[in-house]
Amino acid sequence: MILTTTPTLEGRPIREYKGVVTGEVIIGANVWKDFTASIRDFIGGRSASYEKVLIEAKNSAFREMEDRAMATGANAIVGIDIDYETIGANSSMLMVAVSGTAVVL
């Protein structure tokens, strides 16, 4: 499956549009990660624990979107958009939503 944020692929004409496909993941970081992240926020530096959760959520959302595209018979997704949001009480949950257009090249 070819994935791209661009609306087309140079040299690869789109033969058929299958429609919009999405992938959504909501994931929580546990109390320990919140605690260690608050320390990082105070002293500075990157939060590896939050970065790991973010990467896991993004990868899961992409897999979900790819599965939905394959179910339509598509072999590529163009025009991909990635959105990150915090939701829930105290913004304790992370939502990653991806969307794009499933196509046949």
PDB file of N, CA and C in Angstrom:
ATOM      1  N   MET A   1       0.848  -1.174   0.000  1.00  0.00           N
ATOM      2  CA  MET A   1       0.000   0.000   0.000  1.00  0.00           C
ATOM      3  C   MET A   1       0.894   1.237   0.000  1.00  0.00           C
ATOM      4  N   ILE A   2       0.666   2.112  -0.972  1.00  0.00           N
ATOM      5  CA  ILE A   2       1.404   3.367  -1.044  1.00  0.00           C
ATOM      6  C   ILE A   2       0.612   4.414  -0.267  1.00  0.00           C
ATOM      7  N   LEU A   3       1.307   5.137   0.610  1.00  0.00           N
ATOM      8  CA  LEU A   3       0.686   6.184   1.422  1.00  0.00           C
ATOM      9  C   LEU A   3       1.392   7.498   1.147  1.00  0.00           C
ATOM     10  N   THR A   4       0.615   8.563   0.916  1.00  0.00           N
ATOM     11  CA  THR A   4       1.228   9.858   0.668  1.00  0.00           C
ATOM     12  C   THR A   4       0.307  10.992   1.110  1.00  0.00           C
ATOM     13  N   THR A   5       0.923  12.092   1.513  1.00  0.00           N
ATOM     14  CA  THR A   5       0.151  13.280   1.870  1.00  0.00           C
ATOM     15  C   THR A   5      -0.182  14.116   0.640  1.00  0.00           C
ATOM     16  N   THR A   6       0.448  13.815  -0.477  1.00  0.00           N
ATOM     17  CA  THR A   6       0.194  14.565  -1.703  1.00  0.00           C
ATOM     18  C   THR A   6      -1.074  14.038  -2.380  1.00  0.00           C
ATOM     19  N   PRO A   7      -1.737  14.873  -3.197  1.00  0.00           N
ATOM     20  CA  PRO A   7      -2.984  14.429  -3.831  1.00  0.00           C
ATOM     21  C   PRO A   7      -2.781  13.480  -5.014  1.00  0.00           C
ATOM     22  N   THR A   8      -1.558  13.406  -5.521  1.00  0.00           N
ATOM     23  CA  THR A   8      -1.247  12.523  -6.643  1.00  0.00           C
ATOM     24  C   THR A   8       0.144  11.947  -6.443  1.00  0.00           C
ATOM     25  N   LEU A   9       0.473  10.944  -7.261  1.00  0.00           N
ATOM     26  CA  LEU A   9       1.820  10.379  -7.283  1.00  0.00           C
ATOM     27  C   LEU A   9       2.385  10.602  -8.682  1.00  0.00           C
ATOM     28  N   GLU A  10       3.500  11.282  -8.740  1.00  0.00           N
ATOM     29  CA  GLU A  10       4.097  11.599 -10.029  1.00  0.00           C
ATOM     30  C   GLU A  10       4.392  10.322 -10.808  1.00  0.00           C
ATOM     31  N   GLY A  11       3.935  10.296 -12.064  1.00  0.00           N
ATOM     32  CA  GLY A  11       4.173   9.147 -12.927  1.00  0.00           C
ATOM     33  C   GLY A  11       3.248   7.964 -12.662  1.00  0.00           C
ATOM     34  N   ARG A  12       2.328   8.075 -11.731  1.00  0.00           N
ATOM     35  CA  ARG A  12       1.398   6.996 -11.392  1.00  0.00           C
ATOM     36  C   ARG A  12      -0.030   7.535 -11.466  1.00  0.00           C
ATOM     37  N   PRO A  13      -0.666   7.433 -12.616  1.00  0.00           N
ATOM     38  CA  PRO A  13      -2.024   7.983 -12.736  1.00  0.00           C
ATOM     39  C   PRO A  13      -3.023   7.221 -11.841  1.00  0.00           C
ATOM     40  N   ILE A  14      -3.950   7.957 -11.296  1.00  0.00           N
ATOM     41  CA  ILE A  14      -5.011   7.348 -10.495  1.00  0.00           C
ATOM     42  C   ILE A  14      -6.079   6.841 -11.455  1.00  0.00           C
ATOM     43  N   ARG A  15      -6.345   5.534 -11.396  1.00  0.00           N
ATOM     44  CA  ARG A  15      -7.327   4.914 -12.287  1.00  0.00           C
ATOM     45  C   ARG A  15      -8.729   4.930 -11.702  1.00  0.00           C
ATOM     46  N   GLU A  16      -8.807   4.882 -10.372  1.00  0.00           N
ATOM     47  CA  GLU A  16     -10.127   4.803  -9.744  1.00  0.00           C
ATOM     48  C   GLU A  16     -10.059   5.367  -8.324  1.00  0.00           C
ATOM     49  N   TYR A  17     -11.079   6.138  -7.979  1.00  0.00           N
ATOM     50  CA  TYR A  17     -11.209   6.667  -6.612  1.00  0.00           C
ATOM     51  C   TYR A  17     -12.183   5.785  -5.853  1.00  0.00           C
ATOM     52  N   LYS A  18     -11.763   5.306  -4.689  1.00  0.00           N
ATOM     53  CA  LYS A  18     -12.602   4.415  -3.892  1.00  0.00           C
ATOM     54  C   LYS A  18     -13.328   5.140  -2.756  1.00  0.00           C
ATOM     55  N   GLY A  19     -12.869   6.331  -2.417  1.00  0.00           N
ATOM     56  CA  GLY A  19     -13.528   7.103  -1.376  1.00  0.00           C
ATOM     57  C   GLY A  19     -12.612   7.412  -0.199  1.00  0.00           C
ATOM     58  N   VAL A  20     -13.146   8.184   0.721  1.00  0.00           N
ATOM     59  CA  VAL A  20     -12.397   8.599   1.908  1.00  0.00           C
ATOM     60  C   VAL A  20     -12.314   7.438   2.888  1.00  0.00           C
ATOM     61  N   VAL A  21     -11.127   7.246   3.434  1.00  0.00           N
ATOM     62  CA  VAL A  21     -10.917   6.237   4.477  1.00  0.00           C
ATOM     63  C   VAL A  21     -10.295   6.934   5.694  1.00  0.00           C
ATOM     64  N   THR A  22     -10.602   6.400   6.863  1.00  0.00           N
ATOM     65  CA  THR A  22     -10.120   7.009   8.101  1.00  0.00           C
ATOM     66  C   THR A  22      -9.583   5.951   9.048  1.00  0.00           C
ATOM     67  N   GLY A  23      -8.845   6.415  10.009  1.00  0.00           N
ATOM     68  CA  GLY A  23      -8.392   5.585  11.115  1.00  0.00           C
ATOM     69  C   GLY A  23      -8.358   6.465  12.350  1.00  0.00           C
ATOM     70  N   GLU A  24      -8.948   5.988  13.428  1.00  0.00           N
ATOM     71  CA  GLU A  24      -9.012   6.777  14.654  1.00  0.00           C
ATOM     72  C   GLU A  24      -8.556   5.930  15.834  1.00  0.00           C
ATOM     73  N   VAL A  25      -7.757   6.521  16.694  1.00  0.00           N
ATOM     74  CA  VAL A  25      -7.297   5.833  17.897  1.00  0.00           C
ATOM     75  C   VAL A  25      -7.350   6.824  19.048  1.00  0.00           C
ATOM     76  N   ILE A  26      -7.906   6.378  20.166  1.00  0.00           N
ATOM     77  CA  ILE A  26      -7.863   7.154  21.401  1.00  0.00           C
ATOM     78  C   ILE A  26      -7.121   6.301  22.409  1.00  0.00           C
ATOM     79  N   ILE A  27      -6.080   6.867  22.969  1.00  0.00           N
ATOM     80  CA  ILE A  27      -5.222   6.096  23.861  1.00  0.00           C
ATOM     81  C   ILE A  27      -4.899   6.947  25.088  1.00  0.00           C
ATOM     82  N   GLY A  28      -4.822   6.298  26.216  1.00  0.00           N
ATOM     83  CA  GLY A  28      -4.514   7.013  27.456  1.00  0.00           C
ATOM     84  C   GLY A  28      -3.089   6.755  27.887  1.00  0.00           C
ATOM     85  N   ALA A  29      -2.501   7.762  28.481  1.00  0.00           N
ATOM     86  CA  ALA A  29      -1.194   7.587  29.113  1.00  0.00           C
ATOM     87  C   ALA A  29      -1.473   7.344  30.588  1.00  0.00           C
ATOM     88  N   ASN A  30      -0.765   6.425  31.172  1.00  0.00           N
ATOM     89  CA  ASN A  30      -1.057   6.090  32.571  1.00  0.00           C
ATOM     90  C   ASN A  30      -0.478   7.125  33.537  1.00  0.00           C
ATOM     91  N   VAL A  31      -0.824   6.986  34.788  1.00  0.00           N
ATOM     92  CA  VAL A  31      -0.416   7.942  35.824  1.00  0.00           C
ATOM     93  C   VAL A  31       1.103   8.046  35.915  1.00  0.00           C
ATOM     94  N   TRP A  32       1.815   6.936  35.794  1.00  0.00           N
ATOM     95  CA  TRP A  32       3.272   6.969  35.878  1.00  0.00           C
ATOM     96  C   TRP A  32       3.864   7.818  34.751  1.00  0.00           C
ATOM     97  N   LYS A  33       3.340   7.658  33.537  1.00  0.00           N
ATOM     98  CA  LYS A  33       3.831   8.467  32.420  1.00  0.00           C
ATOM     99  C   LYS A  33       3.517   9.937  32.651  1.00  0.00           C
ATOM    100  N   ASP A  34       2.321  10.226  33.207  1.00  0.00           N
ATOM    101  CA  ASP A  34       1.981  11.614  33.524  1.00  0.00           C
ATOM    102  C   ASP A  34       2.971  12.192  34.528  1.00  0.00           C
ATOM    103  N   PHE A  35       3.323  11.400  35.530  1.00  0.00           N
ATOM    104  CA  PHE A  35       4.252  11.861  36.569  1.00  0.00           C
ATOM    105  C   PHE A  35       5.637  12.143  35.981  1.00  0.00           C
ATOM    106  N   THR A  36       6.156  11.195  35.210  1.00  0.00           N
ATOM    107  CA  THR A  36       7.495  11.400  34.643  1.00  0.00           C
ATOM    108  C   THR A  36       7.494  12.536  33.627  1.00  0.00           C
ATOM    109  N   ALA A  37       6.386  12.691  32.893  1.00  0.00           N
ATOM    110  CA  ALA A  37       6.302  13.797  31.938  1.00  0.00           C
ATOM    111  C   ALA A  37       6.282  15.136  32.663  1.00  0.00           C
ATOM    112  N   SER A  38       5.616  15.186  33.822  1.00  0.00           N
ATOM    113  CA  SER A  38       5.580  16.446  34.571  1.00  0.00           C
ATOM    114  C   SER A  38       6.980  16.822  35.060  1.00  0.00           C
ATOM    115  N   ILE A  39       7.788  15.832  35.408  1.00  0.00           N
ATOM    116  CA  ILE A  39       9.176  16.103  35.802  1.00  0.00           C
ATOM    117  C   ILE A  39       9.953  16.655  34.608  1.00  0.00           C
ATOM    118  N   ARG A  40       9.775  16.037  33.438  1.00  0.00           N
ATOM    119  CA  ARG A  40      10.444  16.514  32.221  1.00  0.00           C
ATOM    120  C   ARG A  40      10.012  17.936  31.898  1.00  0.00           C
ATOM    121  N   ASP A  41       8.724  18.225  32.105  1.00  0.00           N
ATOM    122  CA  ASP A  41       8.217  19.562  31.842  1.00  0.00           C
ATOM    123  C   ASP A  41       8.906  20.576  32.745  1.00  0.00           C
ATOM    124  N   PHE A  42       9.155  20.190  33.976  1.00  0.00           N
ATOM    125  CA  PHE A  42       9.779  21.085  34.950  1.00  0.00           C
ATOM    126  C   PHE A  42      11.270  21.291  34.659  1.00  0.00           C
ATOM    127  N   ILE A  43      11.993  20.203  34.397  1.00  0.00           N
ATOM    128  CA  ILE A  43      13.451  20.316  34.205  1.00  0.00           C
ATOM    129  C   ILE A  43      13.850  20.464  32.741  1.00  0.00           C
ATOM    130  N   GLY A  44      12.928  20.218  31.836  1.00  0.00           N
ATOM    131  CA  GLY A  44      13.226  20.325  30.412  1.00  0.00           C
ATOM    132  C   GLY A  44      13.589  18.987  29.811  1.00  0.00           C
ATOM    133  N   GLY A  45      13.547  18.905  28.510  1.00  0.00           N
ATOM    134  CA  GLY A  45      13.894  17.666  27.814  1.00  0.00           C
ATOM    135  C   GLY A  45      12.680  16.994  27.215  1.00  0.00           C
ATOM    136  N   ARG A  46      12.936  15.940  26.521  1.00  0.00           N
ATOM    137  CA  ARG A  46      11.882  15.188  25.833  1.00  0.00           C
ATOM    138  C   ARG A  46      11.302  14.138  26.751  1.00  0.00           C
ATOM    139  N   SER A  47      10.042  13.801  26.503  1.00  0.00           N
ATOM    140  CA  SER A  47       9.378  12.759  27.271  1.00  0.00           C
ATOM    141  C   SER A  47       9.278  11.499  26.417  1.00  0.00           C
ATOM    142  N   ALA A  48      10.210  10.588  26.599  1.00  0.00           N
ATOM    143  CA  ALA A  48      10.242   9.358  25.804  1.00  0.00           C
ATOM    144  C   ALA A  48       8.976   8.536  26.006  1.00  0.00           C
ATOM    145  N   SER A  49       8.420   8.539  27.206  1.00  0.00           N
ATOM    146  CA  SER A  49       7.219   7.732  27.460  1.00  0.00           C
ATOM    147  C   SER A  49       6.027   8.266  26.667  1.00  0.00           C
ATOM    148  N   TYR A  50       5.843   9.587  26.615  1.00  0.00           N
ATOM    149  CA  TYR A  50       4.761  10.159  25.820  1.00  0.00           C
ATOM    150  C   TYR A  50       5.019   9.989  24.330  1.00  0.00           C
ATOM    151  N   GLU A  51       6.272  10.130  23.919  1.00  0.00           N
ATOM    152  CA  GLU A  51       6.591   9.947  22.509  1.00  0.00           C
ATOM    153  C   GLU A  51       6.258   8.530  22.054  1.00  0.00           C
ATOM    154  N   LYS A  52       6.536   7.558  22.914  1.00  0.00           N
ATOM    155  CA  LYS A  52       6.228   6.166  22.588  1.00  0.00           C
ATOM    156  C   LYS A  52       4.718   5.965  22.428  1.00  0.00           C
ATOM    157  N   VAL A  53       3.937   6.555  23.313  1.00  0.00           N
ATOM    158  CA  VAL A  53       2.477   6.450  23.229  1.00  0.00           C
ATOM    159  C   VAL A  53       1.978   7.122  21.954  1.00  0.00           C
ATOM    160  N   LEU A  54       2.538   8.269  21.620  1.00  0.00           N
ATOM    161  CA  LEU A  54       2.141   8.991  20.420  1.00  0.00           C
ATOM    162  C   LEU A  54       2.438   8.180  19.161  1.00  0.00           C
ATOM    163  N   ILE A  55       3.611   7.590  19.094  1.00  0.00           N
ATOM    164  CA  ILE A  55       3.989   6.765  17.941  1.00  0.00           C
ATOM    165  C   ILE A  55       3.082   5.543  17.830  1.00  0.00           C
ATOM    166  N   GLU A  56       2.792   4.903  18.961  1.00  0.00           N
ATOM    167  CA  GLU A  56       1.910   3.738  18.977  1.00  0.00           C
ATOM    168  C   GLU A  56       0.522   4.109  18.457  1.00  0.00           C
ATOM    169  N   ALA A  57      -0.011   5.238  18.903  1.00  0.00           N
ATOM    170  CA  ALA A  57      -1.339   5.671  18.468  1.00  0.00           C
ATOM    171  C   ALA A  57      -1.352   5.993  16.978  1.00  0.00           C
ATOM    172  N   LYS A  58      -0.322   6.697  16.502  1.00  0.00           N
ATOM    173  CA  LYS A  58      -0.249   7.044  15.073  1.00  0.00           C
ATOM    174  C   LYS A  58      -0.170   5.794  14.211  1.00  0.00           C
ATOM    175  N   ASN A  59       0.684   4.856  14.594  1.00  0.00           N
ATOM    176  CA  ASN A  59       0.827   3.625  13.820  1.00  0.00           C
ATOM    177  C   ASN A  59      -0.465   2.815  13.803  1.00  0.00           C
ATOM    178  N   SER A  60      -1.171   2.767  14.917  1.00  0.00           N
ATOM    179  CA  SER A  60      -2.449   2.046  14.978  1.00  0.00           C
ATOM    180  C   SER A  60      -3.489   2.705  14.080  1.00  0.00           C
ATOM    181  N   ALA A  61      -3.541   4.035  14.080  1.00  0.00           N
ATOM    182  CA  ALA A  61      -4.495   4.754  13.235  1.00  0.00           C
ATOM    183  C   ALA A  61      -4.194   4.513  11.755  1.00  0.00           C
ATOM    184  N   PHE A  62      -2.908   4.518  11.390  1.00  0.00           N
ATOM    185  CA  PHE A  62      -2.536   4.239   9.999  1.00  0.00           C
ATOM    186  C   PHE A  62      -2.911   2.815   9.600  1.00  0.00           C
ATOM    187  N   ARG A  63      -2.672   1.834  10.475  1.00  0.00           N
ATOM    188  CA  ARG A  63      -3.037   0.446  10.165  1.00  0.00           C
ATOM    189  C   ARG A  63      -4.539   0.316   9.942  1.00  0.00           C
ATOM    190  N   GLU A  64      -5.317   0.983  10.790  1.00  0.00           N
ATOM    191  CA  GLU A  64      -6.771   0.942  10.651  1.00  0.00           C
ATOM    192  C   GLU A  64      -7.205   1.547   9.319  1.00  0.00           C
ATOM    193  N   MET A  65      -6.611   2.682   8.943  1.00  0.00           N
ATOM    194  CA  MET A  65      -6.953   3.330   7.674  1.00  0.00           C
ATOM    195  C   MET A  65      -6.559   2.442   6.491  1.00  0.00           C
ATOM    196  N   GLU A  66      -5.372   1.839   6.554  1.00  0.00           N
ATOM    197  CA  GLU A  66      -4.927   0.941   5.481  1.00  0.00           C
ATOM    198  C   GLU A  66      -5.862  -0.255   5.338  1.00  0.00           C
ATOM    199  N   ASP A  67      -6.279  -0.838   6.452  1.00  0.00           N
ATOM    200  CA  ASP A  67      -7.203  -1.982   6.415  1.00  0.00           C
ATOM    201  C   ASP A  67      -8.504  -1.595   5.719  1.00  0.00           C
ATOM    202  N   ARG A  68      -9.013  -0.413   6.028  1.00  0.00           N
ATOM    203  CA  ARG A  68     -10.252   0.051   5.407  1.00  0.00           C
ATOM    204  C   ARG A  68     -10.062   0.300   3.913  1.00  0.00           C
ATOM    205  N   ALA A  69      -8.896   0.814   3.531  1.00  0.00           N
ATOM    206  CA  ALA A  69      -8.622   1.048   2.113  1.00  0.00           C
ATOM    207  C   ALA A  69      -8.505  -0.277   1.358  1.00  0.00           C
ATOM    208  N   MET A  70      -7.806  -1.246   1.950  1.00  0.00           N
ATOM    209  CA  MET A  70      -7.661  -2.557   1.297  1.00  0.00           C
ATOM    210  C   MET A  70      -9.019  -3.228   1.113  1.00  0.00           C
ATOM    211  N   ALA A  71      -9.926  -3.026   2.055  1.00  0.00           N
ATOM    212  CA  ALA A  71     -11.260  -3.623   1.956  1.00  0.00           C
ATOM    213  C   ALA A  71     -12.031  -3.071   0.761  1.00  0.00           C
ATOM    214  N   THR A  72     -11.661  -1.892   0.264  1.00  0.00           N
ATOM    215  CA  THR A  72     -12.324  -1.317  -0.911  1.00  0.00           C
ATOM    216  C   THR A  72     -11.654  -1.743  -2.212  1.00  0.00           C
ATOM    217  N   GLY A  73     -10.506  -2.419  -2.107  1.00  0.00           N
ATOM    218  CA  GLY A  73      -9.755  -2.814  -3.295  1.00  0.00           C
ATOM    219  C   GLY A  73      -8.700  -1.799  -3.702  1.00  0.00           C
ATOM    220  N   ALA A  74      -8.452  -0.808  -2.872  1.00  0.00           N
ATOM    221  CA  ALA A  74      -7.458   0.227  -3.183  1.00  0.00           C
ATOM    222  C   ALA A  74      -6.045  -0.317  -2.991  1.00  0.00           C
ATOM    223  N   ASN A  75      -5.095   0.304  -3.710  1.00  0.00           N
ATOM    224  CA  ASN A  75      -3.690  -0.051  -3.517  1.00  0.00           C
ATOM    225  C   ASN A  75      -2.843   1.156  -3.115  1.00  0.00           C
ATOM    226  N   ALA A  76      -3.524   2.282  -2.821  1.00  0.00           N
ATOM    227  CA  ALA A  76      -2.828   3.482  -2.358  1.00  0.00           C
ATOM    228  C   ALA A  76      -3.825   4.388  -1.635  1.00  0.00           C
ATOM    229  N   ILE A  77      -3.259   5.260  -0.801  1.00  0.00           N
ATOM    230  CA  ILE A  77      -4.058   6.297  -0.153  1.00  0.00           C
ATOM    231  C   ILE A  77      -3.335   7.609  -0.385  1.00  0.00           C
ATOM    232  N   VAL A  78      -4.038   8.575  -0.972  1.00  0.00           N
ATOM    233  CA  VAL A  78      -3.446   9.881  -1.265  1.00  0.00           C
ATOM    234  C   VAL A  78      -4.112  10.949  -0.401  1.00  0.00           C
ATOM    235  N   GLY A  79      -3.450  12.092  -0.307  1.00  0.00           N
ATOM    236  CA  GLY A  79      -4.009  13.225   0.420  1.00  0.00           C
ATOM    237  C   GLY A  79      -4.186  12.972   1.905  1.00  0.00           C
ATOM    238  N   ILE A  80      -3.271  12.218   2.501  1.00  0.00           N
ATOM    239  CA  ILE A  80      -3.408  11.849   3.913  1.00  0.00           C
ATOM    240  C   ILE A  80      -3.232  13.071   4.810  1.00  0.00           C
ATOM    241  N   ASP A  81      -4.131  13.175   5.800  1.00  0.00           N
ATOM    242  CA  ASP A  81      -4.073  14.216   6.817  1.00  0.00           C
ATOM    243  C   ASP A  81      -3.994  13.533   8.177  1.00  0.00           C
ATOM    244  N   ILE A  82      -3.149  14.049   9.047  1.00  0.00           N
ATOM    245  CA  ILE A  82      -2.971  13.492  10.392  1.00  0.00           C
ATOM    246  C   ILE A  82      -3.329  14.569  11.407  1.00  0.00           C
ATOM    247  N   ASP A  83      -4.213  14.231  12.335  1.00  0.00           N
ATOM    248  CA  ASP A  83      -4.610  15.168  13.390  1.00  0.00           C
ATOM    249  C   ASP A  83      -4.346  14.550  14.748  1.00  0.00           C
ATOM    250  N   TYR A  84      -3.810  15.356  15.653  1.00  0.00           N
ATOM    251  CA  TYR A  84      -3.554  14.947  17.032  1.00  0.00           C
ATOM    252  C   TYR A  84      -4.354  15.864  17.950  1.00  0.00           C
ATOM    253  N   GLU A  85      -5.035  15.301  18.927  1.00  0.00           N
ATOM    254  CA  GLU A  85      -5.792  16.086  19.902  1.00  0.00           C
ATOM    255  C   GLU A  85      -5.685  15.430  21.268  1.00  0.00           C
ATOM    256  N   THR A  86      -5.810  16.229  22.309  1.00  0.00           N
ATOM    257  CA  THR A  86      -5.963  15.680  23.645  1.00  0.00           C
ATOM    258  C   THR A  86      -7.424  15.843  24.029  1.00  0.00           C
ATOM    259  N   ILE A  87      -7.968  14.829  24.680  1.00  0.00           N
ATOM    260  CA  ILE A  87      -9.377  14.856  25.069  1.00  0.00           C
ATOM    261  C   ILE A  87      -9.513  14.267  26.466  1.00  0.00           C
ATOM    262  N   GLY A  88     -10.710  14.355  27.010  1.00  0.00           N
ATOM    263  CA  GLY A  88     -10.990  13.752  28.304  1.00  0.00           C
ATOM    264  C   GLY A  88     -10.688  14.689  29.455  1.00  0.00           C
ATOM    265  N   ALA A  89     -10.990  14.205  30.650  1.00  0.00           N
ATOM    266  CA  ALA A  89     -10.733  14.974  31.863  1.00  0.00           C
ATOM    267  C   ALA A  89      -9.245  15.276  31.967  1.00  0.00           C
ATOM    268  N   ASN A  90      -8.926  16.519  32.181  1.00  0.00           N
ATOM    269  CA  ASN A  90      -7.526  16.956  32.293  1.00  0.00           C
ATOM    270  C   ASN A  90      -6.705  16.630  31.048  1.00  0.00           C
ATOM    271  N   SER A  91      -7.374  16.499  29.909  1.00  0.00           N
ATOM    272  CA  SER A  91      -6.681  16.176  28.652  1.00  0.00           C
ATOM    273  C   SER A  91      -5.803  14.949  28.798  1.00  0.00           C
ATOM    274  N   SER A  92      -6.312  13.926  29.468  1.00  0.00           N
ATOM    275  CA  SER A  92      -5.509  12.743  29.788  1.00  0.00           C
ATOM    276  C   SER A  92      -5.497  11.688  28.682  1.00  0.00           C
ATOM    277  N   MET A  93      -6.283  11.891  27.654  1.00  0.00           N
ATOM    278  CA  MET A  93      -6.333  10.935  26.551  1.00  0.00           C
ATOM    279  C   MET A  93      -5.810  11.604  25.286  1.00  0.00           C
ATOM    280  N   LEU A  94      -5.146  10.821  24.453  1.00  0.00           N
ATOM    281  CA  LEU A  94      -4.622  11.310  23.189  1.00  0.00           C
ATOM    282  C   LEU A  94      -5.422  10.683  22.057  1.00  0.00           C
ATOM    283  N   MET A  95      -5.886  11.522  21.138  1.00  0.00           N
ATOM    284  CA  MET A  95      -6.606  11.023  19.969  1.00  0.00           C
ATOM    285  C   MET A  95      -5.765  11.316  18.732  1.00  0.00           C
ATOM    286  N   VAL A  96      -5.597  10.295  17.908  1.00  0.00           N
ATOM    287  CA  VAL A  96      -4.946  10.456  16.614  1.00  0.00           C
ATOM    288  C   VAL A  96      -5.959  10.035  15.565  1.00  0.00           C
ATOM    289  N   ALA A  97      -6.234  10.934  14.631  1.00  0.00           N
ATOM    290  CA  ALA A  97      -7.159  10.638  13.541  1.00  0.00           C
ATOM    291  C   ALA A  97      -6.431  10.876  12.224  1.00  0.00           C
ATOM    292  N   VAL A  98      -6.509   9.908  11.329  1.00  0.00           N
ATOM    293  CA  VAL A  98      -5.911  10.043  10.006  1.00  0.00           C
ATOM    294  C   VAL A  98      -6.997   9.834   8.969  1.00  0.00           C
ATOM    295  N   SER A  99      -6.869  10.530   7.847  1.00  0.00           N
ATOM    296  CA  SER A  99      -7.830  10.360   6.767  1.00  0.00           C
ATOM    297  C   SER A  99      -7.128  10.581   5.441  1.00  0.00           C
ATOM    298  N   GLY A 100      -7.672   9.978   4.413  1.00  0.00           N
ATOM    299  CA  GLY A 100      -7.122  10.132   3.075  1.00  0.00           C
ATOM    300  C   GLY A 100      -8.097   9.546   2.069  1.00  0.00           C
ATOM    301  N   THR A 101      -7.720   9.591   0.818  1.00  0.00           N
ATOM    302  CA  THR A 101      -8.558   9.059  -0.250  1.00  0.00           C
ATOM    303  C   THR A 101      -7.959   7.755  -0.754  1.00  0.00           C
ATOM    304  N   ALA A 102      -8.754   6.696  -0.667  1.00  0.00           N
ATOM    305  CA  ALA A 102      -8.321   5.383  -1.169  1.00  0.00           C
ATOM    306  C   ALA A 102      -8.456   5.389  -2.693  1.00  0.00           C
ATOM    307  N   VAL A 103      -7.397   4.944  -3.376  1.00  0.00           N
ATOM    308  CA  VAL A 103      -7.384   4.952  -4.835  1.00  0.00           C
ATOM    309  C   VAL A 103      -6.761   3.661  -5.375  1.00  0.00           C
ATOM    310  N   VAL A 104      -7.022   3.440  -6.655  1.00  0.00           N
ATOM    311  CA  VAL A 104      -6.346   2.368  -7.396  1.00  0.00           C
ATOM    312  C   VAL A 104      -5.452   3.041  -8.405  1.00  0.00           C
ATOM    313  N   LEU A 105      -4.185   2.691  -8.366  1.00  0.00           N
ATOM    314  CA  LEU A 105      -3.217   3.259  -9.302  1.00  0.00           C
ATOM    315  C   LEU A 105      -3.129   2.411 -10.554  1.00  0.00           C
TER     316      LEU A 105
END
